[in-house]
PDB file of N, CA and C in Angstrom:
ATOM      1  N   UNK A   1      84.112  97.174  89.368  1.00  0.00           N
ATOM      2  CA  UNK A   1      82.523  97.529  89.052  1.00  0.00           C
ATOM      3  C   UNK A   1      82.383  98.678  88.075  1.00  0.00           C
ATOM      4  N   UNK A   2      83.294  99.814  88.294  1.00  0.00           N
ATOM      5  CA  UNK A   2      83.340 100.777  87.311  1.00  0.00           C
ATOM      6  C   UNK A   2      83.464 100.355  85.854  1.00  0.00           C
ATOM      7  N   UNK A   3      84.358  99.505  85.672  1.00  0.00           N
ATOM      8  CA  UNK A   3      84.844  98.900  84.453  1.00  0.00           C
ATOM      9  C   UNK A   3      83.663  98.056  83.941  1.00  0.00           C
ATOM     10  N   UNK A   4      82.866  97.370  84.583  1.00  0.00           N
ATOM     11  CA  UNK A   4      81.598  96.593  84.023  1.00  0.00           C
ATOM     12  C   UNK A   4      80.685  97.551  83.722  1.00  0.00           C
ATOM     13  N   UNK A   5      80.325  98.673  84.428  1.00  0.00           N
ATOM     14  CA  UNK A   5      79.421  99.654  83.986  1.00  0.00           C
ATOM     15  C   UNK A   5      79.667 100.384  82.690  1.00  0.00           C
ATOM     16  N   UNK A   6      80.904 100.634  82.541  1.00  0.00           N
ATOM     17  CA  UNK A   6      81.476 101.377  81.287  1.00  0.00           C
ATOM     18  C   UNK A   6      81.271 100.310  80.136  1.00  0.00           C
ATOM     19  N   UNK A   7      81.754  99.001  80.316  1.00  0.00           N
ATOM     20  CA  UNK A   7      81.602  98.020  79.272  1.00  0.00           C
ATOM     21  C   UNK A   7      80.162  97.865  78.845  1.00  0.00           C
ATOM     22  N   UNK A   8      79.337  97.713  79.803  1.00  0.00           N
ATOM     23  CA  UNK A   8      77.725  97.555  79.516  1.00  0.00           C
ATOM     24  C   UNK A   8      77.278  98.688  78.840  1.00  0.00           C
ATOM     25  N   UNK A   9      77.765 100.060  79.199  1.00  0.00           N
ATOM     26  CA  UNK A   9      77.289 101.152  78.568  1.00  0.00           C
ATOM     27  C   UNK A   9      77.782 101.196  77.112  1.00  0.00           C
ATOM     28  N   UNK A  10      78.992 100.828  76.946  1.00  0.00           N
ATOM     29  CA  UNK A  10      79.557 100.772  75.379  1.00  0.00           C
ATOM     30  C   UNK A  10      78.778  99.922  74.698  1.00  0.00           C
ATOM     31  N   UNK A  11      78.408  98.696  75.294  1.00  0.00           N
ATOM     32  CA  UNK A  11      77.626  97.700  74.556  1.00  0.00           C
ATOM     33  C   UNK A  11      76.322  98.463  74.182  1.00  0.00           C
ATOM     34  N   UNK A  12      75.479  98.876  74.907  1.00  0.00           N
ATOM     35  CA  UNK A  12      74.261  99.547  74.714  1.00  0.00           C
ATOM     36  C   UNK A  12      74.405 100.658  73.590  1.00  0.00           C
ATOM     37  N   UNK A  13      75.447 101.473  73.884  1.00  0.00           N
ATOM     38  CA  UNK A  13      75.787 102.489  72.695  1.00  0.00           C
ATOM     39  C   UNK A  13      75.907 101.758  71.363  1.00  0.00           C
ATOM     40  N   UNK A  14      76.730 100.817  71.312  1.00  0.00           N
ATOM     41  CA  UNK A  14      76.967 100.144  70.133  1.00  0.00           C
ATOM     42  C   UNK A  14      75.568  99.653  69.622  1.00  0.00           C
ATOM     43  N   UNK A  15      74.712  99.169  70.272  1.00  0.00           N
ATOM     44  CA  UNK A  15      73.587  98.491  69.844  1.00  0.00           C
ATOM     45  C   UNK A  15      72.554  99.496  69.422  1.00  0.00           C
ATOM     46  N   UNK A  16      72.487 100.664  69.934  1.00  0.00           N
ATOM     47  CA  UNK A  16      71.732 101.747  69.481  1.00  0.00           C
ATOM     48  C   UNK A  16      72.373 102.571  68.288  1.00  0.00           C
ATOM     49  N   UNK A  17      73.570 102.656  68.160  1.00  0.00           N
ATOM     50  CA  UNK A  17      74.097 103.619  66.929  1.00  0.00           C
ATOM     51  C   UNK A  17      74.314 102.691  65.873  1.00  0.00           C
ATOM     52  N   UNK A  18      74.737 101.265  65.844  1.00  0.00           N
ATOM     53  CA  UNK A  18      75.213 100.569  64.909  1.00  0.00           C
ATOM     54  C   UNK A  18      73.952  99.635  64.538  1.00  0.00           C
ATOM     55  N   UNK A  19      72.661  99.839  64.414  1.00  0.00           N
ATOM     56  CA  UNK A  19      71.693  98.865  64.289  1.00  0.00           C
ATOM     57  C   UNK A  19      71.766  98.477  62.725  1.00  0.00           C
ATOM     58  N   UNK A  20      72.114  97.147  62.590  1.00  0.00           N
ATOM     59  CA  UNK A  20      72.200  96.586  61.218  1.00  0.00           C
ATOM     60  C   UNK A  20      71.427  95.275  61.001  1.00  0.00           C
ATOM     61  N   UNK A  21      70.605  94.989  60.227  1.00  0.00           N
ATOM     62  CA  UNK A  21      69.777  93.899  60.435  1.00  0.00           C
ATOM     63  C   UNK A  21      70.201  92.703  59.359  1.00  0.00           C
ATOM     64  N   UNK A  22      70.464  91.549  59.789  1.00  0.00           N
ATOM     65  CA  UNK A  22      70.792  90.423  59.065  1.00  0.00           C
ATOM     66  C   UNK A  22      69.699  89.534  58.956  1.00  0.00           C
ATOM     67  N   UNK A  23      69.571  88.753  57.815  1.00  0.00           N
ATOM     68  CA  UNK A  23      68.135  87.920  57.787  1.00  0.00           C
ATOM     69  C   UNK A  23      67.498  87.346  59.141  1.00  0.00           C
ATOM     70  N   UNK A  24      68.093  86.410  59.763  1.00  0.00           N
ATOM     71  CA  UNK A  24      67.357  85.582  60.774  1.00  0.00           C
ATOM     72  C   UNK A  24      67.821  86.109  62.027  1.00  0.00           C
ATOM     73  N   UNK A  25      68.755  86.808  62.212  1.00  0.00           N
ATOM     74  CA  UNK A  25      69.477  87.412  63.602  1.00  0.00           C
ATOM     75  C   UNK A  25      69.901  88.639  63.319  1.00  0.00           C
ATOM     76  N   UNK A  26      69.676  89.698  64.052  1.00  0.00           N
ATOM     77  CA  UNK A  26      70.417  91.029  63.899  1.00  0.00           C
ATOM     78  C   UNK A  26      71.773  91.007  64.681  1.00  0.00           C
ATOM     79  N   UNK A  27      72.800  91.741  64.122  1.00  0.00           N
ATOM     80  CA  UNK A  27      74.002  91.838  64.896  1.00  0.00           C
ATOM     81  C   UNK A  27      73.739  92.176  66.355  1.00  0.00           C
ATOM     82  N   UNK A  28      72.512  93.195  66.524  1.00  0.00           N
ATOM     83  CA  UNK A  28      72.554  93.630  67.936  1.00  0.00           C
ATOM     84  C   UNK A  28      71.999  92.598  68.849  1.00  0.00           C
ATOM     85  N   UNK A  29      71.066  91.761  68.206  1.00  0.00           N
ATOM     86  CA  UNK A  29      70.542  90.656  68.928  1.00  0.00           C
ATOM     87  C   UNK A  29      71.734  89.728  69.336  1.00  0.00           C
ATOM     88  N   UNK A  30      72.487  89.502  68.381  1.00  0.00           N
ATOM     89  CA  UNK A  30      73.649  88.462  68.746  1.00  0.00           C
ATOM     90  C   UNK A  30      74.566  89.089  69.936  1.00  0.00           C
ATOM     91  N   UNK A  31      74.730  90.418  69.870  1.00  0.00           N
ATOM     92  CA  UNK A  31      75.685  90.947  70.951  1.00  0.00           C
ATOM     93  C   UNK A  31      74.970  90.886  72.183  1.00  0.00           C
ATOM     94  N   UNK A  32      73.689  91.337  72.232  1.00  0.00           N
ATOM     95  CA  UNK A  32      72.980  91.334  73.505  1.00  0.00           C
ATOM     96  C   UNK A  32      72.816  89.906  74.064  1.00  0.00           C
ATOM     97  N   UNK A  33      72.797  88.851  73.239  1.00  0.00           N
ATOM     98  CA  UNK A  33      72.687  87.407  73.631  1.00  0.00           C
ATOM     99  C   UNK A  33      73.956  87.077  74.262  1.00  0.00           C
ATOM    100  N   UNK A  34      75.096  87.677  73.841  1.00  0.00           N
ATOM    101  CA  UNK A  34      76.389  87.215  74.336  1.00  0.00           C
ATOM    102  C   UNK A  34      76.782  88.073  75.427  1.00  0.00           C
ATOM    103  N   UNK A  35      76.054  89.093  75.988  1.00  0.00           N
ATOM    104  CA  UNK A  35      76.424  89.566  77.159  1.00  0.00           C
ATOM    105  C   UNK A  35      76.743  88.719  78.514  1.00  0.00           C
ATOM    106  N   UNK A  36      75.748  87.650  78.617  1.00  0.00           N
ATOM    107  CA  UNK A  36      76.145  86.881  79.742  1.00  0.00           C
ATOM    108  C   UNK A  36      77.703  86.238  79.661  1.00  0.00           C
ATOM    109  N   UNK A  37      78.341  86.362  78.533  1.00  0.00           N
ATOM    110  CA  UNK A  37      79.625  85.515  78.447  1.00  0.00           C
ATOM    111  C   UNK A  37      80.529  86.659  78.507  1.00  0.00           C
ATOM    112  N   UNK A  38      80.369  88.052  78.766  1.00  0.00           N
ATOM    113  CA  UNK A  38      81.268  88.977  78.892  1.00  0.00           C
ATOM    114  C   UNK A  38      82.230  88.830  79.858  1.00  0.00           C
ATOM    115  N   UNK A  39      82.001  88.406  81.112  1.00  0.00           N
ATOM    116  CA  UNK A  39      82.915  88.069  81.978  1.00  0.00           C
ATOM    117  C   UNK A  39      84.010  87.025  81.412  1.00  0.00           C
ATOM    118  N   UNK A  40      83.697  85.996  80.729  1.00  0.00           N
ATOM    119  CA  UNK A  40      84.666  85.044  80.202  1.00  0.00           C
ATOM    120  C   UNK A  40      85.423  85.715  79.207  1.00  0.00           C
ATOM    121  N   UNK A  41      84.629  86.311  78.122  1.00  0.00           N
ATOM    122  CA  UNK A  41      85.486  87.042  77.075  1.00  0.00           C
ATOM    123  C   UNK A  41      86.263  88.014  77.505  1.00  0.00           C
ATOM    124  N   UNK A  42      86.159  88.735  78.479  1.00  0.00           N
ATOM    125  CA  UNK A  42      87.233  89.668  78.997  1.00  0.00           C
ATOM    126  C   UNK A  42      88.356  89.165  80.038  1.00  0.00           C
ATOM    127  N   UNK A  43      88.172  87.741  80.120  1.00  0.00           N
ATOM    128  CA  UNK A  43      89.133  87.065  80.946  1.00  0.00           C
ATOM    129  C   UNK A  43      88.994  87.327  82.485  1.00  0.00           C
ATOM    130  N   UNK A  44      87.603  87.653  82.777  1.00  0.00           N
ATOM    131  CA  UNK A  44      87.465  87.801  84.218  1.00  0.00           C
ATOM    132  C   UNK A  44      86.752  86.666  84.743  1.00  0.00           C
ATOM    133  N   UNK A  45      86.453  85.440  84.182  1.00  0.00           N
ATOM    134  CA  UNK A  45      85.792  84.481  84.601  1.00  0.00           C
ATOM    135  C   UNK A  45      86.635  83.297  83.977  1.00  0.00           C
ATOM    136  N   UNK A  46      86.756  82.337  84.689  1.00  0.00           N
ATOM    137  CA  UNK A  46      87.532  81.093  84.224  1.00  0.00           C
ATOM    138  C   UNK A  46      86.945  80.156  83.057  1.00  0.00           C
ATOM    139  N   UNK A  47      85.571  80.241  83.242  1.00  0.00           N
ATOM    140  CA  UNK A  47      84.743  79.471  82.282  1.00  0.00           C
ATOM    141  C   UNK A  47      83.555  80.239  81.906  1.00  0.00           C
ATOM    142  N   UNK A  48      82.994  79.993  80.772  1.00  0.00           N
ATOM    143  CA  UNK A  48      81.491  80.572  80.510  1.00  0.00           C
ATOM    144  C   UNK A  48      80.450  80.054  81.193  1.00  0.00           C
ATOM    145  N   UNK A  49      79.731  81.045  81.527  1.00  0.00           N
ATOM    146  CA  UNK A  49      78.448  80.529  82.405  1.00  0.00           C
ATOM    147  C   UNK A  49      77.406  79.988  81.381  1.00  0.00           C
ATOM    148  N   UNK A  50      76.601  79.207  81.808  1.00  0.00           N
ATOM    149  CA  UNK A  50      75.569  78.372  81.048  1.00  0.00           C
ATOM    150  C   UNK A  50      74.633  79.232  80.173  1.00  0.00           C
ATOM    151  N   UNK A  51      74.325  80.506  80.645  1.00  0.00           N
ATOM    152  CA  UNK A  51      73.554  81.393  79.757  1.00  0.00           C
ATOM    153  C   UNK A  51      74.372  82.022  78.460  1.00  0.00           C
ATOM    154  N   UNK A  52      75.544  82.073  78.782  1.00  0.00           N
ATOM    155  CA  UNK A  52      76.506  82.410  77.850  1.00  0.00           C
ATOM    156  C   UNK A  52      76.450  81.286  76.454  1.00  0.00           C
ATOM    157  N   UNK A  53      76.785  80.045  76.946  1.00  0.00           N
ATOM    158  CA  UNK A  53      76.796  79.058  75.994  1.00  0.00           C
ATOM    159  C   UNK A  53      75.191  78.810  75.486  1.00  0.00           C
ATOM    160  N   UNK A  54      74.277  79.114  76.102  1.00  0.00           N
ATOM    161  CA  UNK A  54      72.919  78.949  75.230  1.00  0.00           C
ATOM    162  C   UNK A  54      73.004  80.119  74.469  1.00  0.00           C
ATOM    163  N   UNK A  55      73.455  81.195  74.754  1.00  0.00           N
ATOM    164  CA  UNK A  55      73.521  82.313  73.551  1.00  0.00           C
ATOM    165  C   UNK A  55      74.288  81.886  72.377  1.00  0.00           C
ATOM    166  N   UNK A  56      75.477  81.263  72.647  1.00  0.00           N
ATOM    167  CA  UNK A  56      76.238  80.753  71.437  1.00  0.00           C
ATOM    168  C   UNK A  56      75.385  79.925  70.591  1.00  0.00           C
ATOM    169  N   UNK A  57      74.730  78.989  71.213  1.00  0.00           N
ATOM    170  CA  UNK A  57      74.056  78.060  70.564  1.00  0.00           C
ATOM    171  C   UNK A  57      72.851  78.673  69.582  1.00  0.00           C
ATOM    172  N   UNK A  58      72.282  79.729  70.282  1.00  0.00           N
ATOM    173  CA  UNK A  58      71.270  80.415  69.699  1.00  0.00           C
ATOM    174  C   UNK A  58      71.672  81.220  68.576  1.00  0.00           C
ATOM    175  N   UNK A  59      72.792  81.858  68.757  1.00  0.00           N
ATOM    176  CA  UNK A  59      73.364  82.653  67.702  1.00  0.00           C
ATOM    177  C   UNK A  59      73.603  81.735  66.579  1.00  0.00           C
ATOM    178  N   UNK A  60      74.137  80.627  66.764  1.00  0.00           N
ATOM    179  CA  UNK A  60      74.647  79.727  65.825  1.00  0.00           C
ATOM    180  C   UNK A  60      73.294  79.075  65.139  1.00  0.00           C
ATOM    181  N   UNK A  61      72.227  79.089  65.741  1.00  0.00           N
ATOM    182  CA  UNK A  61      70.933  78.636  65.144  1.00  0.00           C
ATOM    183  C   UNK A  61      70.424  79.675  64.178  1.00  0.00           C
ATOM    184  N   UNK A  62      70.684  80.822  64.341  1.00  0.00           N
ATOM    185  CA  UNK A  62      70.274  82.088  63.791  1.00  0.00           C
ATOM    186  C   UNK A  62      71.294  82.374  62.577  1.00  0.00           C
ATOM    187  N   UNK A  63      72.097  81.821  62.396  1.00  0.00           N
ATOM    188  CA  UNK A  63      73.368  82.191  61.348  1.00  0.00           C
ATOM    189  C   UNK A  63      72.895  81.118  60.325  1.00  0.00           C
ATOM    190  N   UNK A  64      72.103  81.434  59.549  1.00  0.00           N
ATOM    191  CA  UNK A  64      71.685  80.528  58.575  1.00  0.00           C
ATOM    192  C   UNK A  64      72.044  80.605  57.123  1.00  0.00           C
ATOM    193  N   UNK A  65      72.624  81.867  56.750  1.00  0.00           N
ATOM    194  CA  UNK A  65      73.372  82.138  55.389  1.00  0.00           C
ATOM    195  C   UNK A  65      74.853  82.620  55.644  1.00  0.00           C
ATOM    196  N   UNK A  66      75.729  82.539  54.618  1.00  0.00           N
ATOM    197  CA  UNK A  66      76.875  83.162  54.561  1.00  0.00           C
ATOM    198  C   UNK A  66      76.995  84.560  54.855  1.00  0.00           C
ATOM    199  N   UNK A  67      75.935  85.254  54.322  1.00  0.00           N
ATOM    200  CA  UNK A  67      75.771  86.836  54.609  1.00  0.00           C
ATOM    201  C   UNK A  67      75.758  86.997  55.997  1.00  0.00           C
ATOM    202  N   UNK A  68      74.743  86.398  56.813  1.00  0.00           N
ATOM    203  CA  UNK A  68      74.504  86.429  58.071  1.00  0.00           C
ATOM    204  C   UNK A  68      75.725  86.130  58.912  1.00  0.00           C
ATOM    205  N   UNK A  69      76.635  85.167  58.534  1.00  0.00           N
ATOM    206  CA  UNK A  69      77.702  84.595  59.277  1.00  0.00           C
ATOM    207  C   UNK A  69      78.735  85.670  59.062  1.00  0.00           C
ATOM    208  N   UNK A  70      78.926  86.340  57.713  1.00  0.00           N
ATOM    209  CA  UNK A  70      79.811  87.327  57.670  1.00  0.00           C
ATOM    210  C   UNK A  70      79.548  88.707  58.496  1.00  0.00           C
ATOM    211  N   UNK A  71      78.255  89.110  58.381  1.00  0.00           N
ATOM    212  CA  UNK A  71      77.757  90.291  59.052  1.00  0.00           C
ATOM    213  C   UNK A  71      78.095  90.143  60.643  1.00  0.00           C
ATOM    214  N   UNK A  72      77.836  88.946  61.107  1.00  0.00           N
ATOM    215  CA  UNK A  72      77.921  88.776  62.562  1.00  0.00           C
ATOM    216  C   UNK A  72      79.362  88.747  62.764  1.00  0.00           C
ATOM    217  N   UNK A  73      80.132  88.116  62.143  1.00  0.00           N
ATOM    218  CA  UNK A  73      81.545  88.218  62.453  1.00  0.00           C
ATOM    219  C   UNK A  73      82.173  89.454  62.307  1.00  0.00           C
ATOM    220  N   UNK A  74      81.992  90.398  61.420  1.00  0.00           N
ATOM    221  CA  UNK A  74      82.286  91.700  61.314  1.00  0.00           C
ATOM    222  C   UNK A  74      81.987  92.446  62.645  1.00  0.00           C
ATOM    223  N   UNK A  75      80.580  92.320  63.083  1.00  0.00           N
ATOM    224  CA  UNK A  75      80.132  92.949  64.163  1.00  0.00           C
ATOM    225  C   UNK A  75      80.756  92.559  65.473  1.00  0.00           C
ATOM    226  N   UNK A  76      81.117  91.198  65.487  1.00  0.00           N
ATOM    227  CA  UNK A  76      81.728  90.723  66.700  1.00  0.00           C
ATOM    228  C   UNK A  76      83.015  91.241  66.763  1.00  0.00           C
ATOM    229  N   UNK A  77      83.815  91.471  65.647  1.00  0.00           N
ATOM    230  CA  UNK A  77      85.194  91.929  65.694  1.00  0.00           C
ATOM    231  C   UNK A  77      85.196  93.330  66.001  1.00  0.00           C
ATOM    232  N   UNK A  78      84.099  94.150  65.663  1.00  0.00           N
ATOM    233  CA  UNK A  78      83.944  95.626  66.069  1.00  0.00           C
ATOM    234  C   UNK A  78      83.870  95.894  67.614  1.00  0.00           C
ATOM    235  N   UNK A  79      82.837  94.951  67.963  1.00  0.00           N
ATOM    236  CA  UNK A  79      82.710  94.998  69.439  1.00  0.00           C
ATOM    237  C   UNK A  79      83.807  94.449  70.232  1.00  0.00           C
ATOM    238  N   UNK A  80      84.392  93.624  69.852  1.00  0.00           N
ATOM    239  CA  UNK A  80      85.362  92.900  70.672  1.00  0.00           C
ATOM    240  C   UNK A  80      86.575  93.900  70.806  1.00  0.00           C
ATOM    241  N   UNK A  81      86.980  94.638  69.718  1.00  0.00           N
ATOM    242  CA  UNK A  81      88.188  95.597  69.827  1.00  0.00           C
ATOM    243  C   UNK A  81      87.655  96.830  70.888  1.00  0.00           C
ATOM    244  N   UNK A  82      86.533  97.093  70.952  1.00  0.00           N
ATOM    245  CA  UNK A  82      86.062  98.247  72.032  1.00  0.00           C
ATOM    246  C   UNK A  82      85.808  97.550  73.470  1.00  0.00           C
ATOM    247  N   UNK A  83      85.617  96.436  73.674  1.00  0.00           N
ATOM    248  CA  UNK A  83      85.253  95.826  74.880  1.00  0.00           C
ATOM    249  C   UNK A  83      86.528  95.121  75.514  1.00  0.00           C
ATOM    250  N   UNK A  84      87.546  95.029  74.807  1.00  0.00           N
ATOM    251  CA  UNK A  84      88.488  94.322  75.674  1.00  0.00           C
ATOM    252  C   UNK A  84      88.409  92.729  75.667  1.00  0.00           C
ATOM    253  N   UNK A  85      87.839  92.315  74.594  1.00  0.00           N
ATOM    254  CA  UNK A  85      87.681  90.852  74.455  1.00  0.00           C
ATOM    255  C   UNK A  85      88.937  89.991  74.319  1.00  0.00           C
ATOM    256  N   UNK A  86      89.478  89.240  75.058  1.00  0.00           N
ATOM    257  CA  UNK A  86      90.561  88.391  74.921  1.00  0.00           C
ATOM    258  C   UNK A  86      90.324  87.401  73.551  1.00  0.00           C
ATOM    259  N   UNK A  87      91.257  87.537  72.705  1.00  0.00           N
ATOM    260  CA  UNK A  87      91.202  86.437  71.637  1.00  0.00           C
ATOM    261  C   UNK A  87      91.279  85.135  71.761  1.00  0.00           C
ATOM    262  N   UNK A  88      92.008  84.863  72.835  1.00  0.00           N
ATOM    263  CA  UNK A  88      92.192  83.394  73.318  1.00  0.00           C
ATOM    264  C   UNK A  88      90.818  82.933  73.580  1.00  0.00           C
ATOM    265  N   UNK A  89      90.001  83.609  74.668  1.00  0.00           N
ATOM    266  CA  UNK A  89      88.946  83.306  75.334  1.00  0.00           C
ATOM    267  C   UNK A  89      87.738  83.180  74.245  1.00  0.00           C
ATOM    268  N   UNK A  90      87.816  84.059  73.307  1.00  0.00           N
ATOM    269  CA  UNK A  90      86.806  84.249  71.977  1.00  0.00           C
ATOM    270  C   UNK A  90      86.990  83.036  71.262  1.00  0.00           C
ATOM    271  N   UNK A  91      88.304  82.472  71.073  1.00  0.00           N
ATOM    272  CA  UNK A  91      88.573  81.433  70.160  1.00  0.00           C
ATOM    273  C   UNK A  91      88.050  79.914  70.843  1.00  0.00           C
ATOM    274  N   UNK A  92      88.156  79.978  72.183  1.00  0.00           N
ATOM    275  CA  UNK A  92      87.785  78.774  72.945  1.00  0.00           C
ATOM    276  C   UNK A  92      86.308  78.721  73.452  1.00  0.00           C
ATOM    277  N   UNK A  93      85.463  79.927  73.257  1.00  0.00           N
ATOM    278  CA  UNK A  93      84.188  79.901  73.714  1.00  0.00           C
ATOM    279  C   UNK A  93      83.060  78.601  73.085  1.00  0.00           C
ATOM    280  N   UNK A  94      83.150  78.621  71.871  1.00  0.00           N
ATOM    281  CA  UNK A  94      82.276  77.559  71.249  1.00  0.00           C
ATOM    282  C   UNK A  94      82.712  76.147  71.610  1.00  0.00           C
ATOM    283  N   UNK A  95      84.077  75.939  71.805  1.00  0.00           N
ATOM    284  CA  UNK A  95      84.363  74.496  72.229  1.00  0.00           C
ATOM    285  C   UNK A  95      84.088  74.282  73.658  1.00  0.00           C
ATOM    286  N   UNK A  96      84.319  75.240  74.519  1.00  0.00           N
ATOM    287  CA  UNK A  96      83.912  75.165  75.934  1.00  0.00           C
ATOM    288  C   UNK A  96      82.406  74.920  76.031  1.00  0.00           C
ATOM    289  N   UNK A  97      81.774  75.498  75.141  1.00  0.00           N
ATOM    290  CA  UNK A  97      80.239  75.391  75.458  1.00  0.00           C
ATOM    291  C   UNK A  97      79.754  74.117  74.706  1.00  0.00           C
ATOM    292  N   UNK A  98      80.549  73.439  73.844  1.00  0.00           N
ATOM    293  CA  UNK A  98      80.165  72.298  73.236  1.00  0.00           C
ATOM    294  C   UNK A  98      79.283  72.440  71.991  1.00  0.00           C
ATOM    295  N   UNK A  99      79.535  73.702  71.221  1.00  0.00           N
ATOM    296  CA  UNK A  99      78.670  74.081  70.179  1.00  0.00           C
ATOM    297  C   UNK A  99      79.779  74.228  68.947  1.00  0.00           C
ATOM    298  N   UNK A 100      79.383  73.526  67.856  1.00  0.00           N
ATOM    299  CA  UNK A 100      80.361  73.677  66.791  1.00  0.00           C
ATOM    300  C   UNK A 100      79.450  74.801  66.004  1.00  0.00           C
ATOM    301  N   UNK A 101      80.204  75.770  65.839  1.00  0.00           N
ATOM    302  CA  UNK A 101      79.475  77.206  65.312  1.00  0.00           C
ATOM    303  C   UNK A 101      79.864  77.522  63.811  1.00  0.00           C
ATOM    304  N   UNK A 102      78.961  78.022  63.138  1.00  0.00           N
ATOM    305  CA  UNK A 102      79.245  78.654  61.778  1.00  0.00           C
ATOM    306  C   UNK A 102      79.851  80.047  61.815  1.00  0.00           C
ATOM    307  N   UNK A 103      79.613  80.648  62.865  1.00  0.00           N
ATOM    308  CA  UNK A 103      80.309  82.065  63.084  1.00  0.00           C
ATOM    309  C   UNK A 103      81.295  81.867  64.114  1.00  0.00           C
ATOM    310  N   UNK A 104      82.394  82.537  63.589  1.00  0.00           N
ATOM    311  CA  UNK A 104      83.477  82.640  64.463  1.00  0.00           C
ATOM    312  C   UNK A 104      83.407  83.736  65.418  1.00  0.00           C
ATOM    313  N   UNK A 105      83.471  83.523  66.629  1.00  0.00           N
ATOM    314  CA  UNK A 105      83.632  84.663  67.917  1.00  0.00           C
ATOM    315  C   UNK A 105      84.842  84.825  68.072  1.00  0.00           C
ATOM    316  N   UNK A 106      85.658  85.581  67.191  1.00  0.00           N
ATOM    317  CA  UNK A 106      87.123  85.380  67.145  1.00  0.00           C
ATOM    318  C   UNK A 106      87.509  86.784  66.430  1.00  0.00           C
ATOM    319  N   UNK A 107      88.233  87.846  67.275  1.00  0.00           N
ATOM    320  CA  UNK A 107      88.466  89.032  66.765  1.00  0.00           C
ATOM    321  C   UNK A 107      89.654  89.038  65.877  1.00  0.00           C
ATOM    322  N   UNK A 108      90.413  87.885  65.457  1.00  0.00           N
ATOM    323  CA  UNK A 108      91.393  87.953  64.797  1.00  0.00           C
ATOM    324  C   UNK A 108      91.259  87.166  63.376  1.00  0.00           C
ATOM    325  N   UNK A 109      89.935  86.685  63.123  1.00  0.00           N
ATOM    326  CA  UNK A 109      89.862  85.759  61.972  1.00  0.00           C
ATOM    327  C   UNK A 109      89.489  86.786  60.801  1.00  0.00           C
ATOM    328  N   UNK A 110      89.671  86.330  59.641  1.00  0.00           N
ATOM    329  CA  UNK A 110      89.183  86.946  58.357  1.00  0.00           C
ATOM    330  C   UNK A 110      87.702  86.346  58.201  1.00  0.00           C
ATOM    331  N   UNK A 111      86.725  87.614  58.160  1.00  0.00           N
ATOM    332  CA  UNK A 111      85.250  87.228  58.145  1.00  0.00           C
ATOM    333  C   UNK A 111      84.981  86.783  56.609  1.00  0.00           C
ATOM    334  N   UNK A 112      85.884  87.105  55.760  1.00  0.00           N
ATOM    335  CA  UNK A 112      85.450  86.813  54.330  1.00  0.00           C
ATOM    336  C   UNK A 112      85.773  85.441  53.920  1.00  0.00           C
ATOM    337  N   UNK A 113      86.291  84.661  54.826  1.00  0.00           N
ATOM    338  CA  UNK A 113      86.557  83.263  54.320  1.00  0.00           C
ATOM    339  C   UNK A 113      85.903  82.195  55.130  1.00  0.00           C
TER     340      UNK A 113
END
């Protein structure tokens, strides 16, 4: 329980400190939307819950330009390193949700490619 509170607090601090807007969706909006997937992304749940998958679809819909995709990718990487996101779960998220994404939710990917 204490770990979850710390992770949630860290997310909120990141949202406040690192406010950076990208055209159709801000990085902070994307991170906030992915919060329902936190348990899956940190290997505490076997599968992502439906609100997490809805968030993945919504983030994908808001990722309309290369610039947005790169900004979101970089922001996801920054957040993932501080939150203990499992690279394996992050890589599987869009597939498990049935969403073909333009933004990789993968802390190991090259965001510039």
